[in-house]
Amino acid sequence: MPEIILGAKEILQKEFKTKMRGYDPEEVDEFLDQIIKDYESYNKEITLLQEENQRLVAKMDQMSRAQQTMSRVQQDAPKTSAVTNFDILKRLSNLEKEVFGKKLDQEDEEDLEKTKQF
C-alpha cells in the first residue's frame, strides 16, 4: 500500500503565503476543510474494509479447516463401516452357531434318551 504523505492534521495546519494577487484565504480554508472531511471518510472506509477483510479471511480459514476435517472423516468412514459390517456378520454367525448348536445338541440328547429307553 502506498505511503500516505498528508494526513488530516497536516492538511489542517498547512499555512499558505499570501501575495498581492493570491487566492482568497477563506475560500482556500473552506476547500481544505472539505478535503479533510473526505480524507477522514476515506480513512474510516479503509479501516472498515480492512476489518471486514480480516474477518472474512478468518472465516475462510475456519471453513477450510472444517472442510479438511470433513474430508478426513469421509475417507475414514467407509473403512470403519466395512469393519463394523464384518464384525456384525461375524457376531451373527457366532450367535447362530450357539443357538442352533444347542438345539442340535438337545435333539441329539433326546434321541439318545429315546434309544436308551428301547
PDB file of N, CA and C in Angstrom:
ATOM      1  N   MET A   1       0.842  -1.168   0.000  1.00  0.00           N
ATOM      2  CA  MET A   1       0.000   0.000   0.000  1.00  0.00           C
ATOM      3  C   MET A   1       0.894   1.240   0.000  1.00  0.00           C
ATOM      4  N   PRO A   2       0.584   2.221  -0.821  1.00  0.00           N
ATOM      5  CA  PRO A   2       1.427   3.422  -0.872  1.00  0.00           C
ATOM      6  C   PRO A   2       1.409   4.188   0.454  1.00  0.00           C
ATOM      7  N   GLU A   3       2.498   4.842   0.712  1.00  0.00           N
ATOM      8  CA  GLU A   3       2.625   5.601   1.958  1.00  0.00           C
ATOM      9  C   GLU A   3       1.815   6.894   1.850  1.00  0.00           C
ATOM     10  N   ILE A   4       1.115   7.222   2.908  1.00  0.00           N
ATOM     11  CA  ILE A   4       0.312   8.442   2.931  1.00  0.00           C
ATOM     12  C   ILE A   4       1.197   9.592   3.388  1.00  0.00           C
ATOM     13  N   ILE A   5       1.281  10.614   2.567  1.00  0.00           N
ATOM     14  CA  ILE A   5       2.160  11.745   2.862  1.00  0.00           C
ATOM     15  C   ILE A   5       1.447  12.776   3.736  1.00  0.00           C
ATOM     16  N   LEU A   6       0.213  13.104   3.373  1.00  0.00           N
ATOM     17  CA  LEU A   6      -0.535  14.116   4.118  1.00  0.00           C
ATOM     18  C   LEU A   6      -1.683  13.479   4.869  1.00  0.00           C
ATOM     19  N   GLY A   7      -1.724  13.764   6.152  1.00  0.00           N
ATOM     20  CA  GLY A   7      -2.856  13.333   6.952  1.00  0.00           C
ATOM     21  C   GLY A   7      -3.785  14.510   7.171  1.00  0.00           C
ATOM     22  N   ALA A   8      -4.901  14.255   7.842  1.00  0.00           N
ATOM     23  CA  ALA A   8      -5.875  15.312   8.090  1.00  0.00           C
ATOM     24  C   ALA A   8      -5.247  16.453   8.887  1.00  0.00           C
ATOM     25  N   LYS A   9      -4.378  16.106   9.814  1.00  0.00           N
ATOM     26  CA  LYS A   9      -3.744  17.128  10.656  1.00  0.00           C
ATOM     27  C   LYS A   9      -2.820  18.019   9.833  1.00  0.00           C
ATOM     28  N   GLU A  10      -2.051  17.412   8.928  1.00  0.00           N
ATOM     29  CA  GLU A  10      -1.130  18.199   8.098  1.00  0.00           C
ATOM     30  C   GLU A  10      -1.890  19.133   7.157  1.00  0.00           C
ATOM     31  N   ILE A  11      -3.007  18.643   6.643  1.00  0.00           N
ATOM     32  CA  ILE A  11      -3.810  19.490   5.759  1.00  0.00           C
ATOM     33  C   ILE A  11      -4.386  20.669   6.538  1.00  0.00           C
ATOM     34  N   LEU A  12      -4.875  20.397   7.734  1.00  0.00           N
ATOM     35  CA  LEU A  12      -5.478  21.442   8.564  1.00  0.00           C
ATOM     36  C   LEU A  12      -4.460  22.507   8.956  1.00  0.00           C
ATOM     37  N   GLN A  13      -3.260  22.094   9.262  1.00  0.00           N
ATOM     38  CA  GLN A  13      -2.247  23.024   9.750  1.00  0.00           C
ATOM     39  C   GLN A  13      -1.451  23.702   8.634  1.00  0.00           C
ATOM     40  N   LYS A  14      -1.705  23.383   7.410  1.00  0.00           N
ATOM     41  CA  LYS A  14      -0.953  23.960   6.297  1.00  0.00           C
ATOM     42  C   LYS A  14      -1.236  25.457   6.204  1.00  0.00           C
ATOM     43  N   GLU A  15      -0.175  26.252   6.150  1.00  0.00           N
ATOM     44  CA  GLU A  15      -0.265  27.713   6.009  1.00  0.00           C
ATOM     45  C   GLU A  15       0.247  28.077   4.619  1.00  0.00           C
ATOM     46  N   PHE A  16      -0.483  28.922   3.951  1.00  0.00           N
ATOM     47  CA  PHE A  16      -0.079  29.384   2.634  1.00  0.00           C
ATOM     48  C   PHE A  16       0.380  30.844   2.752  1.00  0.00           C
ATOM     49  N   LYS A  17       1.373  31.156   1.953  1.00  0.00           N
ATOM     50  CA  LYS A  17       1.847  32.545   1.921  1.00  0.00           C
ATOM     51  C   LYS A  17       0.858  33.366   1.099  1.00  0.00           C
ATOM     52  N   THR A  18       0.687  34.600   1.501  1.00  0.00           N
ATOM     53  CA  THR A  18      -0.202  35.475   0.746  1.00  0.00           C
ATOM     54  C   THR A  18       0.620  36.414  -0.122  1.00  0.00           C
ATOM     55  N   LYS A  19       0.125  36.656  -1.284  1.00  0.00           N
ATOM     56  CA  LYS A  19       0.765  37.578  -2.202  1.00  0.00           C
ATOM     57  C   LYS A  19      -0.285  38.605  -2.619  1.00  0.00           C
ATOM     58  N   MET A  20       0.138  39.544  -3.317  1.00  0.00           N
ATOM     59  CA  MET A  20      -0.745  40.631  -3.707  1.00  0.00           C
ATOM     60  C   MET A  20      -1.962  40.113  -4.471  1.00  0.00           C
ATOM     61  N   ARG A  21      -1.776  39.254  -5.416  1.00  0.00           N
ATOM     62  CA  ARG A  21      -2.876  38.749  -6.226  1.00  0.00           C
ATOM     63  C   ARG A  21      -3.059  37.251  -5.996  1.00  0.00           C
ATOM     64  N   GLY A  22      -3.168  36.808  -4.790  1.00  0.00           N
ATOM     65  CA  GLY A  22      -3.310  35.393  -4.468  1.00  0.00           C
ATOM     66  C   GLY A  22      -4.758  34.980  -4.333  1.00  0.00           C
ATOM     67  N   TYR A  23      -4.928  33.740  -3.914  1.00  0.00           N
ATOM     68  CA  TYR A  23      -6.264  33.201  -3.685  1.00  0.00           C
ATOM     69  C   TYR A  23      -6.844  33.775  -2.408  1.00  0.00           C
ATOM     70  N   ASP A  24      -8.153  33.709  -2.310  1.00  0.00           N
ATOM     71  CA  ASP A  24      -8.847  34.159  -1.106  1.00  0.00           C
ATOM     72  C   ASP A  24      -8.581  33.139  -0.001  1.00  0.00           C
ATOM     73  N   PRO A  25      -7.945  33.549   1.091  1.00  0.00           N
ATOM     74  CA  PRO A  25      -7.597  32.605   2.166  1.00  0.00           C
ATOM     75  C   PRO A  25      -8.812  31.879   2.756  1.00  0.00           C
ATOM     76  N   GLU A  26      -9.940  32.541   2.885  1.00  0.00           N
ATOM     77  CA  GLU A  26     -11.128  31.889   3.440  1.00  0.00           C
ATOM     78  C   GLU A  26     -11.636  30.792   2.504  1.00  0.00           C
ATOM     79  N   GLU A  27     -11.594  31.064   1.216  1.00  0.00           N
ATOM     80  CA  GLU A  27     -12.039  30.063   0.243  1.00  0.00           C
ATOM     81  C   GLU A  27     -11.111  28.847   0.253  1.00  0.00           C
ATOM     82  N   VAL A  28      -9.820  29.102   0.367  1.00  0.00           N
ATOM     83  CA  VAL A  28      -8.849  28.005   0.434  1.00  0.00           C
ATOM     84  C   VAL A  28      -9.086  27.183   1.702  1.00  0.00           C
ATOM     85  N   ASP A  29      -9.316  27.852   2.830  1.00  0.00           N
ATOM     86  CA  ASP A  29      -9.563  27.149   4.094  1.00  0.00           C
ATOM     87  C   ASP A  29     -10.828  26.295   4.013  1.00  0.00           C
ATOM     88  N   GLU A  30     -11.883  26.813   3.427  1.00  0.00           N
ATOM     89  CA  GLU A  30     -13.117  26.046   3.283  1.00  0.00           C
ATOM     90  C   GLU A  30     -12.899  24.801   2.421  1.00  0.00           C
ATOM     91  N   PHE A  31     -12.155  24.994   1.336  1.00  0.00           N
ATOM     92  CA  PHE A  31     -11.874  23.856   0.450  1.00  0.00           C
ATOM     93  C   PHE A  31     -11.031  22.805   1.168  1.00  0.00           C
ATOM     94  N   LEU A  32     -10.047  23.250   1.916  1.00  0.00           N
ATOM     95  CA  LEU A  32      -9.204  22.311   2.668  1.00  0.00           C
ATOM     96  C   LEU A  32     -10.018  21.591   3.740  1.00  0.00           C
ATOM     97  N   ASP A  33     -10.991  22.282   4.346  1.00  0.00           N
ATOM     98  CA  ASP A  33     -11.865  21.634   5.327  1.00  0.00           C
ATOM     99  C   ASP A  33     -12.667  20.503   4.669  1.00  0.00           C
ATOM    100  N   GLN A  34     -13.150  20.749   3.452  1.00  0.00           N
ATOM    101  CA  GLN A  34     -13.865  19.701   2.721  1.00  0.00           C
ATOM    102  C   GLN A  34     -12.937  18.527   2.399  1.00  0.00           C
ATOM    103  N   ILE A  35     -11.722  18.838   2.019  1.00  0.00           N
ATOM    104  CA  ILE A  35     -10.743  17.778   1.724  1.00  0.00           C
ATOM    105  C   ILE A  35     -10.467  16.954   2.974  1.00  0.00           C
ATOM    106  N   ILE A  36     -10.346  17.602   4.124  1.00  0.00           N
ATOM    107  CA  ILE A  36     -10.093  16.900   5.386  1.00  0.00           C
ATOM    108  C   ILE A  36     -11.245  15.949   5.699  1.00  0.00           C
ATOM    109  N   LYS A  37     -12.507  16.424   5.518  1.00  0.00           N
ATOM    110  CA  LYS A  37     -13.661  15.565   5.791  1.00  0.00           C
ATOM    111  C   LYS A  37     -13.661  14.343   4.878  1.00  0.00           C
ATOM    112  N   ASP A  38     -13.401  14.582   3.593  1.00  0.00           N
ATOM    113  CA  ASP A  38     -13.333  13.451   2.663  1.00  0.00           C
ATOM    114  C   ASP A  38     -12.205  12.497   3.036  1.00  0.00           C
ATOM    115  N   TYR A  39     -11.071  13.071   3.390  1.00  0.00           N
ATOM    116  CA  TYR A  39      -9.904  12.275   3.752  1.00  0.00           C
ATOM    117  C   TYR A  39     -10.215  11.385   4.958  1.00  0.00           C
ATOM    118  N   GLU A  40     -10.888  11.965   5.967  1.00  0.00           N
ATOM    119  CA  GLU A  40     -11.252  11.193   7.156  1.00  0.00           C
ATOM    120  C   GLU A  40     -12.275  10.117   6.808  1.00  0.00           C
ATOM    121  N   SER A  41     -13.221  10.426   5.915  1.00  0.00           N
ATOM    122  CA  SER A  41     -14.215   9.429   5.487  1.00  0.00           C
ATOM    123  C   SER A  41     -13.533   8.262   4.780  1.00  0.00           C
ATOM    124  N   TYR A  42     -12.570   8.590   3.919  1.00  0.00           N
ATOM    125  CA  TYR A  42     -11.849   7.521   3.218  1.00  0.00           C
ATOM    126  C   TYR A  42     -11.058   6.654   4.191  1.00  0.00           C
ATOM    127  N   ASN A  43     -10.448   7.281   5.173  1.00  0.00           N
ATOM    128  CA  ASN A  43      -9.693   6.512   6.169  1.00  0.00           C
ATOM    129  C   ASN A  43     -10.609   5.589   6.969  1.00  0.00           C
ATOM    130  N   LYS A  44     -11.803   6.084   7.342  1.00  0.00           N
ATOM    131  CA  LYS A  44     -12.758   5.239   8.061  1.00  0.00           C
ATOM    132  C   LYS A  44     -13.201   4.071   7.191  1.00  0.00           C
ATOM    133  N   GLU A  45     -13.477   4.361   5.921  1.00  0.00           N
ATOM    134  CA  GLU A  45     -13.906   3.311   4.995  1.00  0.00           C
ATOM    135  C   GLU A  45     -12.808   2.262   4.815  1.00  0.00           C
ATOM    136  N   ILE A  46     -11.578   2.707   4.706  1.00  0.00           N
ATOM    137  CA  ILE A  46     -10.451   1.772   4.560  1.00  0.00           C
ATOM    138  C   ILE A  46     -10.335   0.897   5.804  1.00  0.00           C
ATOM    139  N   THR A  47     -10.472   1.494   6.979  1.00  0.00           N
ATOM    140  CA  THR A  47     -10.390   0.735   8.228  1.00  0.00           C
ATOM    141  C   THR A  47     -11.502  -0.308   8.305  1.00  0.00           C
ATOM    142  N   LEU A  48     -12.728   0.100   7.958  1.00  0.00           N
ATOM    143  CA  LEU A  48     -13.849  -0.849   7.976  1.00  0.00           C
ATOM    144  C   LEU A  48     -13.626  -1.997   6.994  1.00  0.00           C
ATOM    145  N   LEU A  49     -13.143  -1.674   5.811  1.00  0.00           N
ATOM    146  CA  LEU A  49     -12.898  -2.716   4.805  1.00  0.00           C
ATOM    147  C   LEU A  49     -11.777  -3.657   5.240  1.00  0.00           C
ATOM    148  N   GLN A  50     -10.747  -3.123   5.874  1.00  0.00           N
ATOM    149  CA  GLN A  50      -9.663  -3.979   6.362  1.00  0.00           C
ATOM    150  C   GLN A  50     -10.161  -4.912   7.457  1.00  0.00           C
ATOM    151  N   GLU A  51     -11.015  -4.402   8.360  1.00  0.00           N
ATOM    152  CA  GLU A  51     -11.576  -5.247   9.414  1.00  0.00           C
ATOM    153  C   GLU A  51     -12.458  -6.341   8.821  1.00  0.00           C
ATOM    154  N   GLU A  52     -13.279  -5.960   7.844  1.00  0.00           N
ATOM    155  CA  GLU A  52     -14.140  -6.950   7.196  1.00  0.00           C
ATOM    156  C   GLU A  52     -13.301  -7.996   6.463  1.00  0.00           C
ATOM    157  N   ASN A  53     -12.244  -7.544   5.821  1.00  0.00           N
ATOM    158  CA  ASN A  53     -11.356  -8.467   5.120  1.00  0.00           C
ATOM    159  C   ASN A  53     -10.726  -9.463   6.094  1.00  0.00           C
ATOM    160  N   GLN A  54     -10.257  -8.978   7.231  1.00  0.00           N
ATOM    161  CA  GLN A  54      -9.669  -9.864   8.235  1.00  0.00           C
ATOM    162  C   GLN A  54     -10.699 -10.862   8.748  1.00  0.00           C
ATOM    163  N   ARG A  55     -11.926 -10.395   8.968  1.00  0.00           N
ATOM    164  CA  ARG A  55     -12.988 -11.281   9.448  1.00  0.00           C
ATOM    165  C   ARG A  55     -13.296 -12.362   8.421  1.00  0.00           C
ATOM    166  N   LEU A  56     -13.367 -11.967   7.156  1.00  0.00           N
ATOM    167  CA  LEU A  56     -13.688 -12.930   6.105  1.00  0.00           C
ATOM    168  C   LEU A  56     -12.543 -13.924   5.891  1.00  0.00           C
ATOM    169  N   VAL A  57     -11.308 -13.454   5.996  1.00  0.00           N
ATOM    170  CA  VAL A  57     -10.165 -14.362   5.871  1.00  0.00           C
ATOM    171  C   VAL A  57     -10.178 -15.378   7.008  1.00  0.00           C
ATOM    172  N   ALA A  58     -10.480 -14.915   8.222  1.00  0.00           N
ATOM    173  CA  ALA A  58     -10.552 -15.831   9.368  1.00  0.00           C
ATOM    174  C   ALA A  58     -11.670 -16.852   9.173  1.00  0.00           C
ATOM    175  N   LYS A  59     -12.816 -16.384   8.683  1.00  0.00           N
ATOM    176  CA  LYS A  59     -13.937 -17.296   8.441  1.00  0.00           C
ATOM    177  C   LYS A  59     -13.585 -18.304   7.354  1.00  0.00           C
ATOM    178  N   MET A  60     -12.901 -17.851   6.316  1.00  0.00           N
ATOM    179  CA  MET A  60     -12.486 -18.741   5.240  1.00  0.00           C
ATOM    180  C   MET A  60     -11.508 -19.808   5.758  1.00  0.00           C
ATOM    181  N   ASP A  61     -10.579 -19.392   6.610  1.00  0.00           N
ATOM    182  CA  ASP A  61      -9.647 -20.353   7.207  1.00  0.00           C
ATOM    183  C   ASP A  61     -10.396 -21.379   8.056  1.00  0.00           C
ATOM    184  N   GLN A  62     -11.359 -20.912   8.829  1.00  0.00           N
ATOM    185  CA  GLN A  62     -12.153 -21.809   9.668  1.00  0.00           C
ATOM    186  C   GLN A  62     -12.922 -22.805   8.800  1.00  0.00           C
ATOM    187  N   MET A  63     -13.527 -22.337   7.733  1.00  0.00           N
ATOM    188  CA  MET A  63     -14.289 -23.223   6.855  1.00  0.00           C
ATOM    189  C   MET A  63     -13.362 -24.202   6.132  1.00  0.00           C
ATOM    190  N   SER A  64     -12.182 -23.750   5.789  1.00  0.00           N
ATOM    191  CA  SER A  64     -11.214 -24.630   5.141  1.00  0.00           C
ATOM    192  C   SER A  64     -10.796 -25.756   6.085  1.00  0.00           C
ATOM    193  N   ARG A  65     -10.567 -25.404   7.355  1.00  0.00           N
ATOM    194  CA  ARG A  65     -10.214 -26.437   8.344  1.00  0.00           C
ATOM    195  C   ARG A  65     -11.366 -27.405   8.542  1.00  0.00           C
ATOM    196  N   ALA A  66     -12.589 -26.881   8.575  1.00  0.00           N
ATOM    197  CA  ALA A  66     -13.764 -27.741   8.739  1.00  0.00           C
ATOM    198  C   ALA A  66     -13.920 -28.673   7.535  1.00  0.00           C
ATOM    199  N   GLN A  67     -13.649 -28.155   6.352  1.00  0.00           N
ATOM    200  CA  GLN A  67     -13.759 -28.974   5.147  1.00  0.00           C
ATOM    201  C   GLN A  67     -12.696 -30.080   5.160  1.00  0.00           C
ATOM    202  N   GLN A  68     -11.487 -29.745   5.598  1.00  0.00           N
ATOM    203  CA  GLN A  68     -10.438 -30.760   5.685  1.00  0.00           C
ATOM    204  C   GLN A  68     -10.828 -31.837   6.692  1.00  0.00           C
ATOM    205  N   THR A  69     -11.413 -31.429   7.809  1.00  0.00           N
ATOM    206  CA  THR A  69     -11.847 -32.398   8.812  1.00  0.00           C
ATOM    207  C   THR A  69     -12.931 -33.295   8.247  1.00  0.00           C
ATOM    208  N   MET A  70     -13.908 -32.702   7.563  1.00  0.00           N
ATOM    209  CA  MET A  70     -14.984 -33.485   6.953  1.00  0.00           C
ATOM    210  C   MET A  70     -14.428 -34.439   5.902  1.00  0.00           C
ATOM    211  N   SER A  71     -13.458 -33.981   5.165  1.00  0.00           N
ATOM    212  CA  SER A  71     -12.845 -34.816   4.137  1.00  0.00           C
ATOM    213  C   SER A  71     -12.177 -36.032   4.769  1.00  0.00           C
ATOM    214  N   ARG A  72     -11.457 -35.791   5.879  1.00  0.00           N
ATOM    215  CA  ARG A  72     -10.804 -36.908   6.580  1.00  0.00           C
ATOM    216  C   ARG A  72     -11.837 -37.868   7.152  1.00  0.00           C
ATOM    217  N   VAL A  73     -12.921 -37.331   7.694  1.00  0.00           N
ATOM    218  CA  VAL A  73     -13.978 -38.169   8.275  1.00  0.00           C
ATOM    219  C   VAL A  73     -14.617 -39.022   7.186  1.00  0.00           C
ATOM    220  N   GLN A  74     -14.871 -38.427   6.029  1.00  0.00           N
ATOM    221  CA  GLN A  74     -15.491 -39.171   4.937  1.00  0.00           C
ATOM    222  C   GLN A  74     -14.560 -40.258   4.417  1.00  0.00           C
ATOM    223  N   GLN A  75     -13.266 -40.003   4.420  1.00  0.00           N
ATOM    224  CA  GLN A  75     -12.320 -41.025   3.976  1.00  0.00           C
ATOM    225  C   GLN A  75     -12.249 -42.163   4.983  1.00  0.00           C
ATOM    226  N   ASP A  76     -12.336 -41.840   6.264  1.00  0.00           N
ATOM    227  CA  ASP A  76     -12.255 -42.860   7.303  1.00  0.00           C
ATOM    228  C   ASP A  76     -13.568 -43.623   7.451  1.00  0.00           C
ATOM    229  N   ALA A  77     -14.682 -43.008   7.127  1.00  0.00           N
ATOM    230  CA  ALA A  77     -15.997 -43.615   7.345  1.00  0.00           C
ATOM    231  C   ALA A  77     -16.182 -44.939   6.606  1.00  0.00           C
ATOM    232  N   PRO A  78     -15.856 -45.060   5.313  1.00  0.00           N
ATOM    233  CA  PRO A  78     -16.066 -46.351   4.656  1.00  0.00           C
ATOM    234  C   PRO A  78     -15.250 -47.472   5.289  1.00  0.00           C
ATOM    235  N   LYS A  79     -14.029 -47.174   5.698  1.00  0.00           N
ATOM    236  CA  LYS A  79     -13.202 -48.199   6.339  1.00  0.00           C
ATOM    237  C   LYS A  79     -13.855 -48.656   7.640  1.00  0.00           C
ATOM    238  N   THR A  80     -14.333 -47.721   8.414  1.00  0.00           N
ATOM    239  CA  THR A  80     -14.940 -48.041   9.690  1.00  0.00           C
ATOM    240  C   THR A  80     -16.217 -48.855   9.497  1.00  0.00           C
ATOM    241  N   SER A  81     -17.061 -48.444   8.556  1.00  0.00           N
ATOM    242  CA  SER A  81     -18.315 -49.166   8.362  1.00  0.00           C
ATOM    243  C   SER A  81     -18.058 -50.558   7.802  1.00  0.00           C
ATOM    244  N   ALA A  82     -17.038 -50.729   6.956  1.00  0.00           N
ATOM    245  CA  ALA A  82     -16.722 -52.051   6.424  1.00  0.00           C
ATOM    246  C   ALA A  82     -16.284 -52.977   7.562  1.00  0.00           C
ATOM    247  N   VAL A  83     -15.447 -52.488   8.430  1.00  0.00           N
ATOM    248  CA  VAL A  83     -15.001 -53.282   9.575  1.00  0.00           C
ATOM    249  C   VAL A  83     -16.191 -53.571  10.478  1.00  0.00           C
ATOM    250  N   THR A  84     -17.032 -52.599  10.692  1.00  0.00           N
ATOM    251  CA  THR A  84     -18.195 -52.779  11.543  1.00  0.00           C
ATOM    252  C   THR A  84     -19.143 -53.817  10.944  1.00  0.00           C
ATOM    253  N   ASN A  85     -19.370 -53.752   9.652  1.00  0.00           N
ATOM    254  CA  ASN A  85     -20.231 -54.728   8.997  1.00  0.00           C
ATOM    255  C   ASN A  85     -19.647 -56.137   9.131  1.00  0.00           C
ATOM    256  N   PHE A  86     -18.358 -56.252   8.954  1.00  0.00           N
ATOM    257  CA  PHE A  86     -17.710 -57.547   9.097  1.00  0.00           C
ATOM    258  C   PHE A  86     -17.871 -58.066  10.516  1.00  0.00           C
ATOM    259  N   ASP A  87     -17.655 -57.180  11.480  1.00  0.00           N
ATOM    260  CA  ASP A  87     -17.815 -57.582  12.885  1.00  0.00           C
ATOM    261  C   ASP A  87     -19.241 -58.029  13.175  1.00  0.00           C
ATOM    262  N   ILE A  88     -20.202 -57.319  12.632  1.00  0.00           N
ATOM    263  CA  ILE A  88     -21.600 -57.687  12.854  1.00  0.00           C
ATOM    264  C   ILE A  88     -21.891 -59.056  12.255  1.00  0.00           C
ATOM    265  N   LEU A  89     -21.421 -59.288  11.052  1.00  0.00           N
ATOM    266  CA  LEU A  89     -21.644 -60.590  10.411  1.00  0.00           C
ATOM    267  C   LEU A  89     -20.981 -61.719  11.201  1.00  0.00           C
ATOM    268  N   LYS A  90     -19.803 -61.445  11.694  1.00  0.00           N
ATOM    269  CA  LYS A  90     -19.089 -62.455  12.480  1.00  0.00           C
ATOM    270  C   LYS A  90     -19.854 -62.768  13.773  1.00  0.00           C
ATOM    271  N   ARG A  91     -20.337 -61.751  14.450  1.00  0.00           N
ATOM    272  CA  ARG A  91     -21.101 -61.962  15.681  1.00  0.00           C
ATOM    273  C   ARG A  91     -22.392 -62.724  15.391  1.00  0.00           C
ATOM    274  N   LEU A  92     -23.055 -62.357  14.310  1.00  0.00           N
ATOM    275  CA  LEU A  92     -24.288 -63.035  13.927  1.00  0.00           C
ATOM    276  C   LEU A  92     -24.032 -64.514  13.662  1.00  0.00           C
ATOM    277  N   SER A  93     -22.951 -64.788  12.972  1.00  0.00           N
ATOM    278  CA  SER A  93     -22.594 -66.180  12.697  1.00  0.00           C
ATOM    279  C   SER A  93     -22.338 -66.944  13.993  1.00  0.00           C
ATOM    280  N   ASN A  94     -21.630 -66.334  14.910  1.00  0.00           N
ATOM    281  CA  ASN A  94     -21.352 -66.981  16.199  1.00  0.00           C
ATOM    282  C   ASN A  94     -22.646 -67.220  16.983  1.00  0.00           C
ATOM    283  N   LEU A  95     -23.561 -66.250  16.941  1.00  0.00           N
ATOM    284  CA  LEU A  95     -24.844 -66.428  17.626  1.00  0.00           C
ATOM    285  C   LEU A  95     -25.646 -67.568  17.016  1.00  0.00           C
ATOM    286  N   GLU A  96     -25.662 -67.645  15.682  1.00  0.00           N
ATOM    287  CA  GLU A  96     -26.385 -68.728  15.012  1.00  0.00           C
ATOM    288  C   GLU A  96     -25.803 -70.080  15.402  1.00  0.00           C
ATOM    289  N   LYS A  97     -24.503 -70.158  15.430  1.00  0.00           N
ATOM    290  CA  LYS A  97     -23.862 -71.420  15.827  1.00  0.00           C
ATOM    291  C   LYS A  97     -24.249 -71.772  17.254  1.00  0.00           C
ATOM    292  N   GLU A  98     -24.260 -70.768  18.110  1.00  0.00           N
ATOM    293  CA  GLU A  98     -24.583 -71.004  19.514  1.00  0.00           C
ATOM    294  C   GLU A  98     -26.032 -71.470  19.667  1.00  0.00           C
ATOM    295  N   VAL A  99     -26.948 -70.743  19.028  1.00  0.00           N
ATOM    296  CA  VAL A  99     -28.369 -71.078  19.167  1.00  0.00           C
ATOM    297  C   VAL A  99     -28.681 -72.411  18.500  1.00  0.00           C
ATOM    298  N   PHE A 100     -28.298 -72.552  17.244  1.00  0.00           N
ATOM    299  CA  PHE A 100     -28.627 -73.775  16.516  1.00  0.00           C
ATOM    300  C   PHE A 100     -27.797 -74.954  17.004  1.00  0.00           C
ATOM    301  N   GLY A 101     -26.601 -74.664  17.472  1.00  0.00           N
ATOM    302  CA  GLY A 101     -25.768 -75.737  18.019  1.00  0.00           C
ATOM    303  C   GLY A 101     -26.400 -76.333  19.254  1.00  0.00           C
ATOM    304  N   LYS A 102     -26.962 -75.516  20.129  1.00  0.00           N
ATOM    305  CA  LYS A 102     -27.625 -76.008  21.339  1.00  0.00           C
ATOM    306  C   LYS A 102     -28.869 -76.797  20.984  1.00  0.00           C
ATOM    307  N   LYS A 103     -29.615 -76.327  19.986  1.00  0.00           N
ATOM    308  CA  LYS A 103     -30.818 -77.059  19.574  1.00  0.00           C
ATOM    309  C   LYS A 103     -30.435 -78.419  19.020  1.00  0.00           C
ATOM    310  N   LEU A 104     -29.385 -78.463  18.224  1.00  0.00           N
ATOM    311  CA  LEU A 104     -28.940 -79.737  17.673  1.00  0.00           C
ATOM    312  C   LEU A 104     -28.465 -80.665  18.780  1.00  0.00           C
ATOM    313  N   ASP A 105     -27.737 -80.096  19.752  1.00  0.00           N
ATOM    314  CA  ASP A 105     -27.280 -80.903  20.882  1.00  0.00           C
ATOM    315  C   ASP A 105     -28.465 -81.430  21.686  1.00  0.00           C
ATOM    316  N   GLN A 106     -29.479 -80.611  21.895  1.00  0.00           N
ATOM    317  CA  GLN A 106     -30.658 -81.044  22.633  1.00  0.00           C
ATOM    318  C   GLN A 106     -31.398 -82.145  21.880  1.00  0.00           C
ATOM    319  N   GLU A 107     -31.497 -81.989  20.578  1.00  0.00           N
ATOM    320  CA  GLU A 107     -32.164 -83.012  19.778  1.00  0.00           C
ATOM    321  C   GLU A 107     -31.375 -84.319  19.831  1.00  0.00           C
ATOM    322  N   ASP A 108     -30.045 -84.231  19.774  1.00  0.00           N
ATOM    323  CA  ASP A 108     -29.217 -85.430  19.856  1.00  0.00           C
ATOM    324  C   ASP A 108     -29.395 -86.114  21.214  1.00  0.00           C
ATOM    325  N   GLU A 109     -29.447 -85.334  22.277  1.00  0.00           N
ATOM    326  CA  GLU A 109     -29.628 -85.893  23.610  1.00  0.00           C
ATOM    327  C   GLU A 109     -30.996 -86.562  23.726  1.00  0.00           C
ATOM    328  N   GLU A 110     -32.017 -85.944  23.177  1.00  0.00           N
ATOM    329  CA  GLU A 110     -33.356 -86.524  23.217  1.00  0.00           C
ATOM    330  C   GLU A 110     -33.386 -87.839  22.438  1.00  0.00           C
ATOM    331  N   ASP A 111     -32.720 -87.852  21.301  1.00  0.00           N
ATOM    332  CA  ASP A 111     -32.670 -89.083  20.508  1.00  0.00           C
ATOM    333  C   ASP A 111     -31.927 -90.173  21.272  1.00  0.00           C
ATOM    334  N   LEU A 112     -30.848 -89.835  21.957  1.00  0.00           N
ATOM    335  CA  LEU A 112     -30.100 -90.819  22.730  1.00  0.00           C
ATOM    336  C   LEU A 112     -30.952 -91.377  23.865  1.00  0.00           C
ATOM    337  N   GLU A 113     -31.681 -90.518  24.532  1.00  0.00           N
ATOM    338  CA  GLU A 113     -32.536 -90.979  25.620  1.00  0.00           C
ATOM    339  C   GLU A 113     -33.631 -91.901  25.105  1.00  0.00           C
ATOM    340  N   LYS A 114     -34.161 -91.569  23.949  1.00  0.00           N
ATOM    341  CA  LYS A 114     -35.207 -92.409  23.363  1.00  0.00           C
ATOM    342  C   LYS A 114     -34.638 -93.787  23.005  1.00  0.00           C
ATOM    343  N   THR A 115     -33.422 -93.794  22.463  1.00  0.00           N
ATOM    344  CA  THR A 115     -32.822 -95.062  22.086  1.00  0.00           C
ATOM    345  C   THR A 115     -32.446 -95.891  23.322  1.00  0.00           C
ATOM    346  N   LYS A 116     -32.093 -95.206  24.403  1.00  0.00           N
ATOM    347  CA  LYS A 116     -31.748 -95.925  25.639  1.00  0.00           C
ATOM    348  C   LYS A 116     -32.994 -96.558  26.242  1.00  0.00           C
ATOM    349  N   GLN A 117     -34.112 -95.953  26.081  1.00  0.00           N
ATOM    350  CA  GLN A 117     -35.349 -96.483  26.643  1.00  0.00           C
ATOM    351  C   GLN A 117     -35.766 -97.742  25.922  1.00  0.00           C
ATOM    352  N   PHE A 118     -35.424 -97.921  24.728  1.00  0.00           N
ATOM    353  CA  PHE A 118     -35.832 -99.116  23.987  1.00  0.00           C
ATOM    354  C   PHE A 118     -34.924-100.194  24.268  1.00  0.00           C
TER     355      PHE A 118
END
